[in-house]
Amino acid sequence: MEDKQKPVHEIRKGDVRATVWFNPKVGRRGWYTVTISRVYAKGYQLQYASSFRYDDLMHIRKVVRRAHFWIWWHGGSLSRKRR
């Protein structure tokens, strides 16, 4: 059975969701990535879209800003080389 990677953090505002993932690298420092999606209901199931409505744009701004802060707080410099 294959283990699926799970997100390390999730931020929601309205229908918009930012999901933070950690990508480990063997022998090197890992890095964080963020995916942005919109949640909507189709029948009785939740669906996810990568296209957004006009009303979602300010929510995107807020979740991206919060994701940026979360990554910074949890060692976002893991992905940057020290000079």
Protein backbone atom coordinates (compact mmCIF):
# COMPACT_ATOMS: atom_id res chain seq x y z
CA MET A 1 0.00 0.00 0.00
CA GLU A 2 1.36 3.40 -0.99
CA ASP A 3 1.45 6.20 1.59
CA LYS A 4 0.02 9.46 0.32
CA GLN A 5 1.70 12.65 1.37
CA LYS A 6 -0.47 14.79 3.62
CA PRO A 7 -0.48 18.59 3.79
CA VAL A 8 1.26 20.17 6.77
CA HIS A 9 -1.20 23.07 7.00
CA GLU A 10 -4.44 24.33 5.48
CA ILE A 11 -5.90 27.83 5.47
CA ARG A 12 -9.50 28.63 4.45
CA LYS A 13 -11.35 31.83 3.74
CA GLY A 14 -14.79 31.54 2.19
CA ASP A 15 -14.66 28.95 -0.58
CA VAL A 16 -10.90 29.41 -1.11
CA ARG A 17 -8.31 27.09 0.38
CA ALA A 18 -4.52 27.31 0.53
CA THR A 19 -2.82 24.00 1.25
CA VAL A 20 0.80 23.99 2.42
CA TRP A 21 2.96 20.96 1.59
CA PHE A 22 6.45 20.06 2.77
CA ASN A 23 8.72 18.41 0.23
CA PRO A 24 11.62 16.59 1.90
CA LYS A 25 14.82 16.07 -0.03
CA VAL A 26 17.31 13.35 0.88
CA GLY A 27 20.71 14.82 1.71
CA ARG A 28 19.43 18.39 1.27
CA ARG A 29 17.02 20.76 2.92
CA GLY A 30 13.38 20.42 1.98
CA TRP A 31 11.02 23.13 0.83
CA TYR A 32 7.40 24.19 1.12
CA THR A 33 4.89 24.53 -1.70
CA VAL A 34 1.37 25.96 -1.68
CA THR A 35 -1.66 24.99 -3.75
CA ILE A 36 -4.70 27.25 -4.04
CA SER A 37 -8.14 25.83 -4.78
CA ARG A 38 -11.82 26.67 -4.60
CA VAL A 39 -14.27 24.26 -2.99
CA TYR A 40 -17.78 23.82 -4.34
CA ALA A 41 -20.56 21.28 -3.98
CA LYS A 42 -21.74 19.19 -6.91
CA GLY A 43 -24.70 17.20 -5.71
CA TYR A 44 -23.65 15.74 -2.37
CA GLN A 45 -19.92 15.68 -3.09
CA LEU A 46 -17.29 18.37 -2.67
CA GLN A 47 -15.33 19.27 -5.76
CA TYR A 48 -12.17 21.35 -6.10
CA ALA A 49 -11.40 23.86 -8.85
CA SER A 50 -8.33 25.86 -9.79
CA SER A 51 -10.37 28.61 -11.45
CA PHE A 52 -11.82 31.42 -9.38
CA ARG A 53 -14.73 33.82 -9.45
CA TYR A 54 -14.42 37.57 -9.05
CA ASP A 55 -15.62 37.36 -5.44
CA ASP A 56 -12.86 34.85 -4.62
CA LEU A 57 -9.96 37.14 -5.51
CA MET A 58 -9.72 38.94 -2.16
CA HIS A 59 -9.98 35.60 -0.34
CA ILE A 60 -7.06 34.34 -2.43
CA ARG A 61 -5.02 37.35 -1.34
CA LYS A 62 -5.75 36.65 2.31
CA VAL A 63 -5.01 32.91 2.27
CA VAL A 64 -1.78 33.43 0.30
CA ARG A 65 -0.62 36.06 2.78
CA ARG A 66 -1.40 33.73 5.71
CA ALA A 67 0.37 30.82 3.98
CA HIS A 68 3.42 33.02 3.42
CA PHE A 69 3.50 33.95 7.12
CA TRP A 70 2.99 30.31 8.21
CA ILE A 71 5.89 29.13 6.06
CA TRP A 72 8.11 31.97 7.32
CA TRP A 73 7.20 31.13 10.93
CA HIS A 74 7.92 27.41 10.46
CA GLY A 75 11.31 27.84 8.86
CA GLY A 76 10.64 28.96 5.33
CA SER A 77 14.35 29.62 5.02
CA LEU A 78 14.82 25.85 4.77
CA SER A 79 14.63 26.23 1.03
CA ARG A 80 17.05 29.16 0.80
CA LYS A 81 20.81 28.85 0.78
CA ARG A 82 22.60 30.78 3.47
CA ARG A 83 25.14 33.24 2.14
